[in-house]
Amino acid sequence: MFYWFMKYIVAGPIVKLVFRPWVLGAENIPATGGAILASNHLSFADSVFLPLMMDRRVSFLAKSEYFTGKGLKGRLVKLFFTATGQLPIDRSGGKASEASLNTGLEVLGKGDLLGIYPEGTRSPDSKMYRGRTGVARMVLEAGVPIIPVAMIDTEKVMTVGSGVHIRRIGIVFGEPLDFSRFDGMESDRFVLRSITDEIMYELHRISGQEYSDVYATSVKEKRAKVSR
C-alpha cells in the first residue's frame, strides 16, 4: 500500500511535473507474468525514475547497506528504499551471490517484475561497461523474458557530489529478448557470457552510450587508487 501511495500520490506527480520524463516502448512490458528489466545504470536516481514511469510494480535488488544505516538518516534511507520496492541483498560474493539469485527468483516466481543492473554498479563516467553474468543465469533459471531498458540523461539529474539538477530525462524499453534456446545450460559459463553480451549489446544500441569492455568496478578501483 505504501508503495502505491508514494507512486501515485507523493513521488510520482512531483517527478512527472519537475523532470517531465519521456518514455518509448512501454508496450514492450508484459501486462502480466514475471519478467526481468535489465537496465543501464547512470545514476542513483534510476531506481526512482523507472518504477514511477511504469504501471506495474517492479522490485530491484539493492545492496544491503542501504537498509542497515543508523540514526534518523539510516531510517529514512531504509524507508525510501522499501517504499520504492527495493530488496536488500549481500553483494560480497560466494553464498551471498547465491542468496541474491534466490531472492530474484522468488520475485519472478510470483509473476512479478524484477529490475537488474547487469553492470553491477553505476557508471563512473556515463559509459556503458561489461555486464556480469548473474543476469543471464537468472534468465535461464526463471525462464522469463528479459526487457532491455535504457535510462537517458539521468546522470545529468543526479551525480555524486553535485546534488540534484532539473532537466528532462528519458526511458527506452526495448523489445523482449528470448533466450529459451539455451534452456538447461545455466551452468555453462560460455553460454552465460554469450547471453550477457547480447543483453549489453542491445542496451548499448538503444541507449547510444559509448561501450567499454571492462567492468565498471575495475575502473572505479583504479580511479580510487590514483586519487589516494
Protein backbone atom coordinates (compact mmCIF):
# COMPACT_ATOMS: atom_id res chain seq x y z
CA MET A 1 0.00 0.00 0.00
CA PHE A 2 2.80 2.45 0.93
CA TYR A 3 4.49 1.73 -2.41
CA TRP A 4 1.39 2.76 -4.37
CA PHE A 5 0.81 5.76 -2.13
CA MET A 6 4.33 7.02 -2.87
CA LYS A 7 3.99 6.22 -6.57
CA TYR A 8 0.66 7.88 -7.31
CA ILE A 9 0.16 10.45 -4.54
CA VAL A 10 3.61 11.68 -3.49
CA ALA A 11 6.67 10.99 -5.63
CA GLY A 12 5.05 10.19 -8.97
CA PRO A 13 3.26 13.51 -9.56
CA ILE A 14 6.31 15.51 -8.40
CA VAL A 15 8.73 13.64 -10.68
CA LYS A 16 6.45 13.99 -13.70
CA LEU A 17 5.96 17.70 -13.10
CA VAL A 18 9.60 18.57 -12.42
CA PHE A 19 11.55 16.24 -14.73
CA ARG A 20 8.93 15.67 -17.49
CA PRO A 21 10.12 12.13 -18.34
CA TRP A 22 9.55 10.86 -21.86
CA VAL A 23 9.03 7.13 -22.43
CA LEU A 24 9.37 4.97 -25.54
CA GLY A 25 8.43 1.31 -25.91
CA ALA A 26 6.24 0.93 -22.82
CA GLU A 27 4.14 -1.56 -24.80
CA ASN A 28 7.09 -3.98 -24.56
CA ILE A 29 6.44 -4.52 -20.85
CA PRO A 30 4.24 -7.63 -20.42
CA ALA A 31 0.88 -6.89 -18.79
CA THR A 32 1.14 -9.97 -16.58
CA GLY A 33 3.69 -12.56 -15.53
CA GLY A 34 7.29 -12.43 -14.41
CA ALA A 35 9.93 -10.62 -16.46
CA ILE A 36 13.35 -9.07 -15.92
CA LEU A 37 14.01 -5.41 -16.69
CA ALA A 38 17.74 -5.17 -17.44
CA SER A 39 18.80 -1.53 -17.32
CA ASN A 40 21.91 0.54 -17.80
CA HIS A 41 22.88 2.39 -14.63
CA LEU A 42 23.84 6.05 -14.86
CA SER A 43 22.55 7.47 -11.60
CA PHE A 44 21.29 6.70 -8.12
CA ALA A 45 18.00 8.15 -9.40
CA ASP A 46 17.49 5.33 -11.93
CA SER A 47 15.78 3.19 -9.29
CA VAL A 48 13.38 6.08 -8.64
CA PHE A 49 12.52 7.19 -12.17
CA LEU A 50 12.00 3.72 -13.67
CA PRO A 51 9.35 2.40 -11.21
CA LEU A 52 7.45 5.69 -11.27
CA MET A 53 7.05 5.55 -15.04
CA MET A 54 5.54 2.06 -15.10
CA ASP A 55 2.02 0.83 -14.41
CA ARG A 56 3.24 -2.43 -12.88
CA ARG A 57 5.28 -2.70 -9.71
CA VAL A 58 8.97 -3.51 -10.17
CA SER A 59 11.37 -4.67 -7.46
CA PHE A 60 15.12 -4.01 -7.55
CA LEU A 61 17.92 -5.84 -5.80
CA ALA A 62 19.75 -3.19 -3.75
CA LYS A 63 22.86 -3.56 -1.61
CA SER A 64 22.03 -4.40 1.99
CA GLU A 65 23.94 -1.38 3.35
CA TYR A 66 21.03 0.83 2.31
CA PHE A 67 18.83 -0.95 4.86
CA THR A 68 21.18 -1.04 7.84
CA GLY A 69 22.13 2.61 8.38
CA LYS A 70 21.99 4.09 11.89
CA GLY A 71 20.13 7.10 13.24
CA LEU A 72 17.48 9.21 11.55
CA LYS A 73 19.27 9.28 8.20
CA GLY A 74 19.59 5.50 8.21
CA ARG A 75 15.90 5.03 8.98
CA LEU A 76 14.90 7.48 6.25
CA VAL A 77 17.10 5.75 3.68
CA LYS A 78 15.64 2.36 4.63
CA LEU A 79 12.11 3.77 4.39
CA PHE A 80 12.83 5.23 0.97
CA PHE A 81 14.25 2.02 -0.45
CA THR A 82 11.44 -0.06 0.99
CA ALA A 83 8.85 2.35 -0.41
CA THR A 84 10.37 2.15 -3.90
CA GLY A 85 10.15 -1.64 -3.94
CA GLN A 86 13.82 -2.49 -3.43
CA LEU A 87 15.04 -5.67 -1.78
CA PRO A 88 18.22 -5.93 0.32
CA ILE A 89 20.96 -8.26 -0.94
CA ASP A 90 24.52 -9.02 0.14
CA ARG A 91 26.88 -8.39 -2.77
CA SER A 92 30.02 -9.82 -1.15
CA GLY A 93 30.04 -12.90 -3.41
CA GLY A 94 30.02 -16.64 -2.74
CA LYS A 95 26.99 -17.80 -0.78
CA ALA A 96 25.76 -14.20 -0.71
CA SER A 97 25.55 -14.18 -4.51
CA GLU A 98 23.54 -17.40 -4.40
CA ALA A 99 21.16 -15.84 -1.89
CA SER A 100 20.74 -12.81 -4.17
CA LEU A 101 19.90 -15.09 -7.08
CA ASN A 102 17.30 -16.90 -4.97
CA THR A 103 15.75 -13.58 -3.88
CA GLY A 104 15.37 -12.54 -7.50
CA LEU A 105 13.92 -15.92 -8.46
CA GLU A 106 11.32 -15.60 -5.70
CA VAL A 107 10.14 -12.29 -7.16
CA LEU A 108 9.92 -13.75 -10.66
CA GLY A 109 8.27 -16.93 -9.39
CA LYS A 110 5.40 -14.83 -8.02
CA GLY A 111 4.85 -13.42 -11.51
CA ASP A 112 6.31 -10.00 -10.67
CA LEU A 113 8.80 -7.74 -12.42
CA LEU A 114 12.44 -7.66 -11.31
CA GLY A 115 14.80 -4.81 -12.12
CA ILE A 116 18.51 -5.60 -12.57
CA TYR A 117 21.59 -3.55 -13.45
CA PRO A 118 23.83 -6.02 -15.36
CA GLU A 119 26.87 -3.74 -14.98
CA GLY A 120 26.64 -4.31 -11.24
CA THR A 121 27.25 -0.69 -10.28
CA ARG A 122 26.67 2.86 -11.52
CA SER A 123 28.77 4.02 -14.44
CA PRO A 124 31.57 6.33 -13.23
CA ASP A 125 31.62 8.38 -16.45
CA SER A 126 28.38 7.80 -18.43
CA LYS A 127 29.95 4.99 -20.49
CA MET A 128 28.47 1.51 -20.61
CA TYR A 129 30.60 -1.27 -19.17
CA ARG A 130 30.81 -5.06 -19.36
CA GLY A 131 27.86 -6.93 -17.91
CA ARG A 132 28.11 -9.53 -15.17
CA THR A 133 26.71 -12.96 -15.91
CA GLY A 134 24.37 -13.21 -12.91
CA VAL A 135 21.58 -11.72 -15.01
CA ALA A 136 22.00 -14.48 -17.62
CA ARG A 137 21.82 -17.21 -15.01
CA MET A 138 18.67 -15.68 -13.56
CA VAL A 139 17.04 -15.51 -17.00
CA LEU A 140 17.68 -19.21 -17.61
CA GLU A 141 16.73 -20.31 -14.11
CA ALA A 142 13.43 -18.38 -14.16
CA GLY A 143 12.55 -18.95 -17.82
CA VAL A 144 11.15 -15.43 -18.21
CA PRO A 145 11.56 -12.77 -20.91
CA ILE A 146 14.07 -10.00 -20.39
CA ILE A 147 13.32 -6.41 -21.36
CA PRO A 148 16.32 -4.14 -22.05
CA VAL A 149 15.85 -0.66 -20.55
CA ALA A 150 17.87 2.44 -21.36
CA MET A 151 17.86 5.33 -18.92
CA ILE A 152 18.63 8.56 -20.76
CA ASP A 153 20.37 11.59 -19.19
CA THR A 154 19.67 10.55 -15.59
CA GLU A 155 23.33 11.13 -14.73
CA LYS A 156 22.75 14.82 -15.53
CA VAL A 157 20.00 14.97 -12.91
CA MET A 158 21.91 13.43 -10.03
CA THR A 159 25.66 12.91 -9.91
CA VAL A 160 27.84 12.05 -6.94
CA GLY A 161 28.76 15.18 -5.00
CA SER A 162 26.86 17.65 -7.19
CA GLY A 163 23.29 17.48 -5.88
CA VAL A 164 20.14 17.44 -7.98
CA HIS A 165 19.74 19.29 -11.30
CA ILE A 166 16.42 19.92 -13.02
CA ARG A 167 16.37 18.62 -16.58
CA ARG A 168 14.31 16.28 -18.71
CA ILE A 169 15.11 12.55 -18.67
CA GLY A 170 14.01 9.63 -20.82
CA ILE A 171 13.38 5.90 -20.64
CA VAL A 172 13.51 3.49 -23.59
CA PHE A 173 12.07 -0.03 -23.26
CA GLY A 174 13.47 -2.34 -25.91
CA GLU A 175 11.77 -5.42 -27.36
CA PRO A 176 11.82 -8.56 -25.17
CA LEU A 177 14.81 -10.85 -25.60
CA ASP A 178 14.20 -14.62 -25.68
CA PHE A 179 16.95 -17.00 -24.60
CA SER A 180 14.86 -20.17 -24.43
CA ARG A 181 17.27 -21.75 -26.93
CA PHE A 182 19.71 -22.07 -24.02
CA ASP A 183 17.30 -23.84 -21.64
CA GLY A 184 19.12 -26.18 -19.25
CA MET A 185 22.51 -24.57 -19.90
CA GLU A 186 22.64 -22.24 -16.89
CA SER A 187 25.86 -23.91 -15.66
CA ASP A 188 27.74 -23.28 -18.91
CA ARG A 189 29.87 -20.17 -18.36
CA PHE A 190 30.34 -19.63 -22.09
CA VAL A 191 26.58 -19.58 -22.60
CA LEU A 192 26.14 -17.19 -19.67
CA ARG A 193 28.75 -14.84 -21.15
CA SER A 194 27.14 -15.03 -24.59
CA ILE A 195 23.70 -14.15 -23.18
CA THR A 196 25.11 -11.32 -21.09
CA ASP A 197 26.97 -9.85 -24.05
CA GLU A 198 23.82 -9.98 -26.18
CA ILE A 199 21.91 -8.12 -23.46
CA MET A 200 24.67 -5.49 -23.19
CA TYR A 201 24.78 -5.05 -26.96
CA GLU A 202 21.06 -4.32 -27.03
CA LEU A 203 21.41 -1.87 -24.13
CA HIS A 204 24.26 -0.19 -25.98
CA ARG A 205 22.12 0.03 -29.13
CA ILE A 206 19.06 1.63 -27.54
CA SER A 207 20.96 3.90 -25.14
CA GLY A 208 23.57 5.24 -27.57
CA GLN A 209 26.23 5.07 -24.85
CA GLU A 210 29.89 4.53 -25.61
CA TYR A 211 30.83 0.95 -24.67
CA SER A 212 33.96 -0.17 -22.84
CA ASP A 213 34.60 -3.92 -22.50
CA VAL A 214 35.85 -3.84 -18.90
CA TYR A 215 33.98 -3.99 -15.61
CA ALA A 216 32.87 -0.66 -14.14
CA THR A 217 34.06 -1.78 -10.71
CA SER A 218 37.61 -2.16 -12.07
CA VAL A 219 37.52 1.39 -13.42
CA LYS A 220 36.30 2.71 -10.08
CA GLU A 221 39.01 0.83 -8.18
CA LYS A 222 41.77 2.21 -10.43
CA ARG A 223 40.47 5.74 -10.03
CA ALA A 224 40.29 5.34 -6.27
CA LYS A 225 43.96 4.24 -6.15
CA VAL A 226 45.06 7.19 -8.27
CA SER A 227 43.21 9.68 -6.05
CA ARG A 228 44.88 8.44 -2.85
